[in-house]
């Protein structure tokens, strides 16, 4: 359970490092990302968090990926 969340967190941070696209940026800890991307990450993380790994398996990750795709963002 924790390994998947750590992996997901690593994937999000890795994506954020190379995702400074757009005219307006949110800055957090030296990383610059667009406000649209920041909102998509917040929304999708919240939506996916309700699916616990030990109960739902990979559902959390699949929902996060689908949500990000729905916001036209890379996972």
PDB file of N, CA and C in Angstrom:
ATOM      1  N   UNK A   1       0.820  -1.186   0.000  1.00  0.00           N
ATOM      2  CA  UNK A   1       0.000   0.000   0.000  1.00  0.00           C
ATOM      3  C   UNK A   1       0.864   1.249   0.000  1.00  0.00           C
ATOM      4  N   UNK A   2       1.817   1.311   0.914  1.00  0.00           N
ATOM      5  CA  UNK A   2       2.671   2.496   1.000  1.00  0.00           C
ATOM      6  C   UNK A   2       3.611   2.592  -0.193  1.00  0.00           C
ATOM      7  N   UNK A   3       4.027   1.456  -0.727  1.00  0.00           N
ATOM      8  CA  UNK A   3       4.941   1.468  -1.873  1.00  0.00           C
ATOM      9  C   UNK A   3       4.253   2.097  -3.076  1.00  0.00           C
ATOM     10  N   UNK A   4       2.978   1.767  -3.298  1.00  0.00           N
ATOM     11  CA  UNK A   4       2.245   2.345  -4.423  1.00  0.00           C
ATOM     12  C   UNK A   4       2.100   3.843  -4.236  1.00  0.00           C
ATOM     13  N   UNK A   5       1.782   4.286  -3.021  1.00  0.00           N
ATOM     14  CA  UNK A   5       1.625   5.725  -2.776  1.00  0.00           C
ATOM     15  C   UNK A   5       2.947   6.462  -2.926  1.00  0.00           C
ATOM     16  N   UNK A   6       4.037   5.843  -2.479  1.00  0.00           N
ATOM     17  CA  UNK A   6       5.355   6.457  -2.649  1.00  0.00           C
ATOM     18  C   UNK A   6       5.688   6.532  -4.134  1.00  0.00           C
ATOM     19  N   UNK A   7       5.382   5.463  -4.861  1.00  0.00           N
ATOM     20  CA  UNK A   7       5.618   5.462  -6.307  1.00  0.00           C
ATOM     21  C   UNK A   7       4.786   6.519  -7.010  1.00  0.00           C
ATOM     22  N   UNK A   8       3.524   6.666  -6.608  1.00  0.00           N
ATOM     23  CA  UNK A   8       2.657   7.677  -7.188  1.00  0.00           C
ATOM     24  C   UNK A   8       3.173   9.075  -6.869  1.00  0.00           C
ATOM     25  N   UNK A   9       3.604   9.276  -5.635  1.00  0.00           N
ATOM     26  CA  UNK A   9       4.167  10.579  -5.250  1.00  0.00           C
ATOM     27  C   UNK A   9       5.423  10.880  -6.057  1.00  0.00           C
ATOM     28  N   UNK A  10       6.274   9.877  -6.256  1.00  0.00           N
ATOM     29  CA  UNK A  10       7.486  10.066  -7.056  1.00  0.00           C
ATOM     30  C   UNK A  10       7.127  10.420  -8.491  1.00  0.00           C
ATOM     31  N   UNK A  11       6.119   9.744  -9.047  1.00  0.00           N
ATOM     32  CA  UNK A  11       5.705  10.028 -10.419  1.00  0.00           C
ATOM     33  C   UNK A  11       5.179  11.451 -10.542  1.00  0.00           C
ATOM     34  N   UNK A  12       4.415  11.896  -9.549  1.00  0.00           N
ATOM     35  CA  UNK A  12       3.878  13.255  -9.571  1.00  0.00           C
ATOM     36  C   UNK A  12       5.008  14.273  -9.501  1.00  0.00           C
ATOM     37  N   UNK A  13       5.941  14.077  -8.583  1.00  0.00           N
ATOM     38  CA  UNK A  13       7.064  15.015  -8.449  1.00  0.00           C
ATOM     39  C   UNK A  13       7.921  15.004  -9.704  1.00  0.00           C
ATOM     40  N   UNK A  14       8.181  13.830 -10.263  1.00  0.00           N
ATOM     41  CA  UNK A  14       8.974  13.740 -11.489  1.00  0.00           C
ATOM     42  C   UNK A  14       8.299  14.498 -12.622  1.00  0.00           C
ATOM     43  N   UNK A  15       6.983  14.388 -12.703  1.00  0.00           N
ATOM     44  CA  UNK A  15       6.233  15.087 -13.735  1.00  0.00           C
ATOM     45  C   UNK A  15       6.266  16.593 -13.497  1.00  0.00           C
ATOM     46  N   UNK A  16       6.168  16.998 -12.248  1.00  0.00           N
ATOM     47  CA  UNK A  16       6.163  18.427 -11.926  1.00  0.00           C
ATOM     48  C   UNK A  16       7.470  19.104 -12.309  1.00  0.00           C
ATOM     49  N   UNK A  17       8.559  18.398 -12.182  1.00  0.00           N
ATOM     50  CA  UNK A  17       9.867  18.985 -12.463  1.00  0.00           C
ATOM     51  C   UNK A  17       9.950  19.442 -13.911  1.00  0.00           C
ATOM     52  N   UNK A  18       9.360  18.681 -14.826  1.00  0.00           N
ATOM     53  CA  UNK A  18       9.437  19.049 -16.235  1.00  0.00           C
ATOM     54  C   UNK A  18       8.163  19.674 -16.769  1.00  0.00           C
ATOM     55  N   UNK A  19       7.279  20.167 -15.934  1.00  0.00           N
ATOM     56  CA  UNK A  19       5.966  20.601 -16.403  1.00  0.00           C
ATOM     57  C   UNK A  19       5.718  22.088 -16.258  1.00  0.00           C
ATOM     58  N   UNK A  20       6.705  22.917 -16.454  1.00  0.00           N
ATOM     59  CA  UNK A  20       6.480  24.352 -16.322  1.00  0.00           C
ATOM     60  C   UNK A  20       6.016  24.915 -17.664  1.00  0.00           C
ATOM     61  N   UNK A  21       4.731  24.717 -17.953  1.00  0.00           N
ATOM     62  CA  UNK A  21       4.145  25.144 -19.215  1.00  0.00           C
ATOM     63  C   UNK A  21       2.937  26.020 -18.910  1.00  0.00           C
ATOM     64  N   UNK A  22       2.804  27.104 -19.621  1.00  0.00           N
ATOM     65  CA  UNK A  22       1.644  27.971 -19.447  1.00  0.00           C
ATOM     66  C   UNK A  22       2.057  29.344 -18.964  1.00  0.00           C
ATOM     67  N   UNK A  23       1.185  30.321 -19.146  1.00  0.00           N
ATOM     68  CA  UNK A  23       1.537  31.692 -18.814  1.00  0.00           C
ATOM     69  C   UNK A  23       1.552  32.006 -17.323  1.00  0.00           C
ATOM     70  N   UNK A  24       0.747  31.302 -16.539  1.00  0.00           N
ATOM     71  CA  UNK A  24       0.724  31.582 -15.104  1.00  0.00           C
ATOM     72  C   UNK A  24       1.189  30.347 -14.345  1.00  0.00           C
ATOM     73  N   UNK A  25       1.941  30.554 -13.284  1.00  0.00           N
ATOM     74  CA  UNK A  25       2.557  29.443 -12.586  1.00  0.00           C
ATOM     75  C   UNK A  25       2.261  29.482 -11.095  1.00  0.00           C
ATOM     76  N   UNK A  26       2.144  28.294 -10.513  1.00  0.00           N
ATOM     77  CA  UNK A  26       2.082  28.158  -9.054  1.00  0.00           C
ATOM     78  C   UNK A  26       3.471  27.715  -8.619  1.00  0.00           C
ATOM     79  N   UNK A  27       4.027  28.347  -7.628  1.00  0.00           N
ATOM     80  CA  UNK A  27       5.365  27.976  -7.197  1.00  0.00           C
ATOM     81  C   UNK A  27       5.293  27.392  -5.793  1.00  0.00           C
ATOM     82  N   UNK A  28       5.919  26.220  -5.642  1.00  0.00           N
ATOM     83  CA  UNK A  28       5.906  25.530  -4.361  1.00  0.00           C
ATOM     84  C   UNK A  28       7.234  24.798  -4.221  1.00  0.00           C
ATOM     85  N   UNK A  29       8.048  25.207  -3.301  1.00  0.00           N
ATOM     86  CA  UNK A  29       9.315  24.525  -3.073  1.00  0.00           C
ATOM     87  C   UNK A  29      10.274  24.620  -4.242  1.00  0.00           C
ATOM     88  N   UNK A  30      10.204  25.660  -5.035  1.00  0.00           N
ATOM     89  CA  UNK A  30      11.117  25.833  -6.147  1.00  0.00           C
ATOM     90  C   UNK A  30      10.652  25.196  -7.438  1.00  0.00           C
ATOM     91  N   UNK A  31       9.571  24.442  -7.428  1.00  0.00           N
ATOM     92  CA  UNK A  31       9.040  23.830  -8.644  1.00  0.00           C
ATOM     93  C   UNK A  31       7.982  24.746  -9.234  1.00  0.00           C
ATOM     94  N   UNK A  32       8.035  24.951 -10.542  1.00  0.00           N
ATOM     95  CA  UNK A  32       7.035  25.780 -11.201  1.00  0.00           C
ATOM     96  C   UNK A  32       6.144  24.889 -12.051  1.00  0.00           C
ATOM     97  N   UNK A  33       4.838  24.996 -11.833  1.00  0.00           N
ATOM     98  CA  UNK A  33       3.869  24.291 -12.658  1.00  0.00           C
ATOM     99  C   UNK A  33       2.728  25.245 -12.952  1.00  0.00           C
ATOM    100  N   UNK A  34       1.995  24.977 -14.011  1.00  0.00           N
ATOM    101  CA  UNK A  34       0.872  25.853 -14.341  1.00  0.00           C
ATOM    102  C   UNK A  34      -0.236  25.695 -13.312  1.00  0.00           C
ATOM    103  N   UNK A  35      -1.021  26.722 -13.171  1.00  0.00           N
ATOM    104  CA  UNK A  35      -2.141  26.674 -12.234  1.00  0.00           C
ATOM    105  C   UNK A  35      -3.158  25.607 -12.635  1.00  0.00           C
ATOM    106  N   UNK A  36      -3.349  25.413 -13.943  1.00  0.00           N
ATOM    107  CA  UNK A  36      -4.264  24.365 -14.411  1.00  0.00           C
ATOM    108  C   UNK A  36      -3.778  22.985 -14.001  1.00  0.00           C
ATOM    109  N   UNK A  37      -2.475  22.758 -14.132  1.00  0.00           N
ATOM    110  CA  UNK A  37      -1.915  21.458 -13.753  1.00  0.00           C
ATOM    111  C   UNK A  37      -2.006  21.255 -12.240  1.00  0.00           C
ATOM    112  N   UNK A  38      -1.710  22.289 -11.485  1.00  0.00           N
ATOM    113  CA  UNK A  38      -1.788  22.189 -10.028  1.00  0.00           C
ATOM    114  C   UNK A  38      -3.205  21.841  -9.590  1.00  0.00           C
ATOM    115  N   UNK A  39      -4.195  22.467 -10.202  1.00  0.00           N
ATOM    116  CA  UNK A  39      -5.590  22.176  -9.862  1.00  0.00           C
ATOM    117  C   UNK A  39      -5.970  20.754 -10.264  1.00  0.00           C
ATOM    118  N   UNK A  40      -5.499  20.305 -11.429  1.00  0.00           N
ATOM    119  CA  UNK A  40      -5.785  18.932 -11.875  1.00  0.00           C
ATOM    120  C   UNK A  40      -5.173  17.921 -10.909  1.00  0.00           C
ATOM    121  N   UNK A  41      -3.944  18.146 -10.488  1.00  0.00           N
ATOM    122  CA  UNK A  41      -3.287  17.233  -9.544  1.00  0.00           C
ATOM    123  C   UNK A  41      -4.048  17.191  -8.229  1.00  0.00           C
ATOM    124  N   UNK A  42      -4.446  18.347  -7.737  1.00  0.00           N
ATOM    125  CA  UNK A  42      -5.183  18.413  -6.472  1.00  0.00           C
ATOM    126  C   UNK A  42      -6.524  17.677  -6.592  1.00  0.00           C
ATOM    127  N   UNK A  43      -7.264  17.969  -7.646  1.00  0.00           N
ATOM    128  CA  UNK A  43      -8.571  17.352  -7.857  1.00  0.00           C
ATOM    129  C   UNK A  43      -8.460  15.839  -8.024  1.00  0.00           C
ATOM    130  N   UNK A  44      -7.530  15.401  -8.865  1.00  0.00           N
ATOM    131  CA  UNK A  44      -7.402  13.973  -9.168  1.00  0.00           C
ATOM    132  C   UNK A  44      -6.844  13.193  -7.978  1.00  0.00           C
ATOM    133  N   UNK A  45      -5.942  13.785  -7.238  1.00  0.00           N
ATOM    134  CA  UNK A  45      -5.409  13.120  -6.052  1.00  0.00           C
ATOM    135  C   UNK A  45      -6.501  12.923  -5.007  1.00  0.00           C
ATOM    136  N   UNK A  46      -7.330  13.933  -4.840  1.00  0.00           N
ATOM    137  CA  UNK A  46      -8.433  13.837  -3.883  1.00  0.00           C
ATOM    138  C   UNK A  46      -9.436  12.780  -4.319  1.00  0.00           C
ATOM    139  N   UNK A  47      -9.766  12.756  -5.605  1.00  0.00           N
ATOM    140  CA  UNK A  47     -10.732  11.780  -6.113  1.00  0.00           C
ATOM    141  C   UNK A  47     -10.202  10.350  -5.996  1.00  0.00           C
ATOM    142  N   UNK A  48      -8.917  10.153  -6.240  1.00  0.00           N
ATOM    143  CA  UNK A  48      -8.336   8.808  -6.216  1.00  0.00           C
ATOM    144  C   UNK A  48      -8.066   8.325  -4.791  1.00  0.00           C
ATOM    145  N   UNK A  49      -7.889   9.229  -3.853  1.00  0.00           N
ATOM    146  CA  UNK A  49      -7.497   8.862  -2.490  1.00  0.00           C
ATOM    147  C   UNK A  49      -8.539   8.029  -1.753  1.00  0.00           C
ATOM    148  N   UNK A  50      -9.784   8.094  -2.175  1.00  0.00           N
ATOM    149  CA  UNK A  50     -10.827   7.343  -1.467  1.00  0.00           C
ATOM    150  C   UNK A  50     -10.774   5.843  -1.748  1.00  0.00           C
ATOM    151  N   UNK A  51      -9.985   5.428  -2.738  1.00  0.00           N
ATOM    152  CA  UNK A  51      -9.858   4.011  -3.068  1.00  0.00           C
ATOM    153  C   UNK A  51      -8.597   3.451  -2.414  1.00  0.00           C
ATOM    154  N   UNK A  52      -8.742   2.837  -1.283  1.00  0.00           N
ATOM    155  CA  UNK A  52      -7.612   2.292  -0.530  1.00  0.00           C
ATOM    156  C   UNK A  52      -7.027   1.087  -1.263  1.00  0.00           C
ATOM    157  N   UNK A  53      -5.708   1.025  -1.321  1.00  0.00           N
ATOM    158  CA  UNK A  53      -5.026  -0.034  -2.055  1.00  0.00           C
ATOM    159  C   UNK A  53      -5.390  -1.424  -1.563  1.00  0.00           C
ATOM    160  N   UNK A  54      -5.460  -1.607  -0.253  1.00  0.00           N
ATOM    161  CA  UNK A  54      -5.702  -2.943   0.265  1.00  0.00           C
ATOM    162  C   UNK A  54      -7.134  -3.413   0.013  1.00  0.00           C
ATOM    163  N   UNK A  55      -8.029  -2.500  -0.334  1.00  0.00           N
ATOM    164  CA  UNK A  55      -9.407  -2.879  -0.653  1.00  0.00           C
ATOM    165  C   UNK A  55      -9.631  -2.879  -2.166  1.00  0.00           C
ATOM    166  N   UNK A  56      -9.154  -1.851  -2.842  1.00  0.00           N
ATOM    167  CA  UNK A  56      -9.469  -1.640  -4.250  1.00  0.00           C
ATOM    168  C   UNK A  56      -8.340  -2.002  -5.211  1.00  0.00           C
ATOM    169  N   UNK A  57      -7.165  -2.364  -4.719  1.00  0.00           N
ATOM    170  CA  UNK A  57      -6.055  -2.723  -5.611  1.00  0.00           C
ATOM    171  C   UNK A  57      -5.565  -1.527  -6.403  1.00  0.00           C
ATOM    172  N   UNK A  58      -5.529  -1.656  -7.712  1.00  0.00           N
ATOM    173  CA  UNK A  58      -4.998  -0.607  -8.587  1.00  0.00           C
ATOM    174  C   UNK A  58      -6.011   0.472  -8.958  1.00  0.00           C
ATOM    175  N   UNK A  59      -7.202   0.406  -8.419  1.00  0.00           N
ATOM    176  CA  UNK A  59      -8.252   1.358  -8.766  1.00  0.00           C
ATOM    177  C   UNK A  59      -7.819   2.797  -8.511  1.00  0.00           C
ATOM    178  N   UNK A  60      -7.102   3.030  -7.411  1.00  0.00           N
ATOM    179  CA  UNK A  60      -6.638   4.384  -7.084  1.00  0.00           C
ATOM    180  C   UNK A  60      -5.796   4.948  -8.228  1.00  0.00           C
ATOM    181  N   UNK A  61      -4.834   4.156  -8.688  1.00  0.00           N
ATOM    182  CA  UNK A  61      -3.930   4.615  -9.741  1.00  0.00           C
ATOM    183  C   UNK A  61      -4.677   4.813 -11.061  1.00  0.00           C
ATOM    184  N   UNK A  62      -5.572   3.880 -11.401  1.00  0.00           N
ATOM    185  CA  UNK A  62      -6.313   3.996 -12.648  1.00  0.00           C
ATOM    186  C   UNK A  62      -7.224   5.223 -12.638  1.00  0.00           C
ATOM    187  N   UNK A  63      -7.866   5.496 -11.512  1.00  0.00           N
ATOM    188  CA  UNK A  63      -8.716   6.677 -11.413  1.00  0.00           C
ATOM    189  C   UNK A  63      -7.900   7.956 -11.519  1.00  0.00           C
ATOM    190  N   UNK A  64      -6.739   7.988 -10.887  1.00  0.00           N
ATOM    191  CA  UNK A  64      -5.873   9.169 -10.976  1.00  0.00           C
ATOM    192  C   UNK A  64      -5.454   9.415 -12.426  1.00  0.00           C
ATOM    193  N   UNK A  65      -5.010   8.351 -13.089  1.00  0.00           N
ATOM    194  CA  UNK A  65      -4.576   8.490 -14.486  1.00  0.00           C
ATOM    195  C   UNK A  65      -5.717   8.957 -15.382  1.00  0.00           C
ATOM    196  N   UNK A  66      -6.891   8.358 -15.204  1.00  0.00           N
ATOM    197  CA  UNK A  66      -8.045   8.749 -16.006  1.00  0.00           C
ATOM    198  C   UNK A  66      -8.461  10.186 -15.756  1.00  0.00           C
ATOM    199  N   UNK A  67      -8.420  10.586 -14.514  1.00  0.00           N
ATOM    200  CA  UNK A  67      -8.767  11.961 -14.150  1.00  0.00           C
ATOM    201  C   UNK A  67      -7.788  12.950 -14.785  1.00  0.00           C
ATOM    202  N   UNK A  68      -6.506  12.653 -14.700  1.00  0.00           N
ATOM    203  CA  UNK A  68      -5.503  13.541 -15.291  1.00  0.00           C
ATOM    204  C   UNK A  68      -5.679  13.625 -16.808  1.00  0.00           C
ATOM    205  N   UNK A  69      -5.981  12.501 -17.441  1.00  0.00           N
ATOM    206  CA  UNK A  69      -6.231  12.504 -18.886  1.00  0.00           C
ATOM    207  C   UNK A  69      -7.459  13.359 -19.203  1.00  0.00           C
ATOM    208  N   UNK A  70      -8.481  13.273 -18.343  1.00  0.00           N
ATOM    209  CA  UNK A  70      -9.678  14.087 -18.522  1.00  0.00           C
ATOM    210  C   UNK A  70      -9.405  15.581 -18.405  1.00  0.00           C
ATOM    211  N   UNK A  71      -8.343  15.936 -17.695  1.00  0.00           N
ATOM    212  CA  UNK A  71      -7.921  17.343 -17.562  1.00  0.00           C
ATOM    213  C   UNK A  71      -6.839  17.701 -18.587  1.00  0.00           C
ATOM    214  N   UNK A  72      -6.599  16.807 -19.544  1.00  0.00           N
ATOM    215  CA  UNK A  72      -5.573  17.009 -20.599  1.00  0.00           C
ATOM    216  C   UNK A  72      -4.184  17.229 -20.000  1.00  0.00           C
ATOM    217  N   UNK A  73      -3.868  16.470 -18.956  1.00  0.00           N
ATOM    218  CA  UNK A  73      -2.564  16.565 -18.288  1.00  0.00           C
ATOM    219  C   UNK A  73      -1.892  15.203 -18.301  1.00  0.00           C
ATOM    220  N   UNK A  74      -0.566  15.195 -18.326  1.00  0.00           N
ATOM    221  CA  UNK A  74       0.154  13.940 -18.162  1.00  0.00           C
ATOM    222  C   UNK A  74      -0.004  13.489 -16.736  1.00  0.00           C
ATOM    223  N   UNK A  75       0.026  12.168 -16.547  1.00  0.00           N
ATOM    224  CA  UNK A  75      -0.120  11.644 -15.183  1.00  0.00           C
ATOM    225  C   UNK A  75       1.075  11.937 -14.324  1.00  0.00           C
TER     226      UNK A  75
END
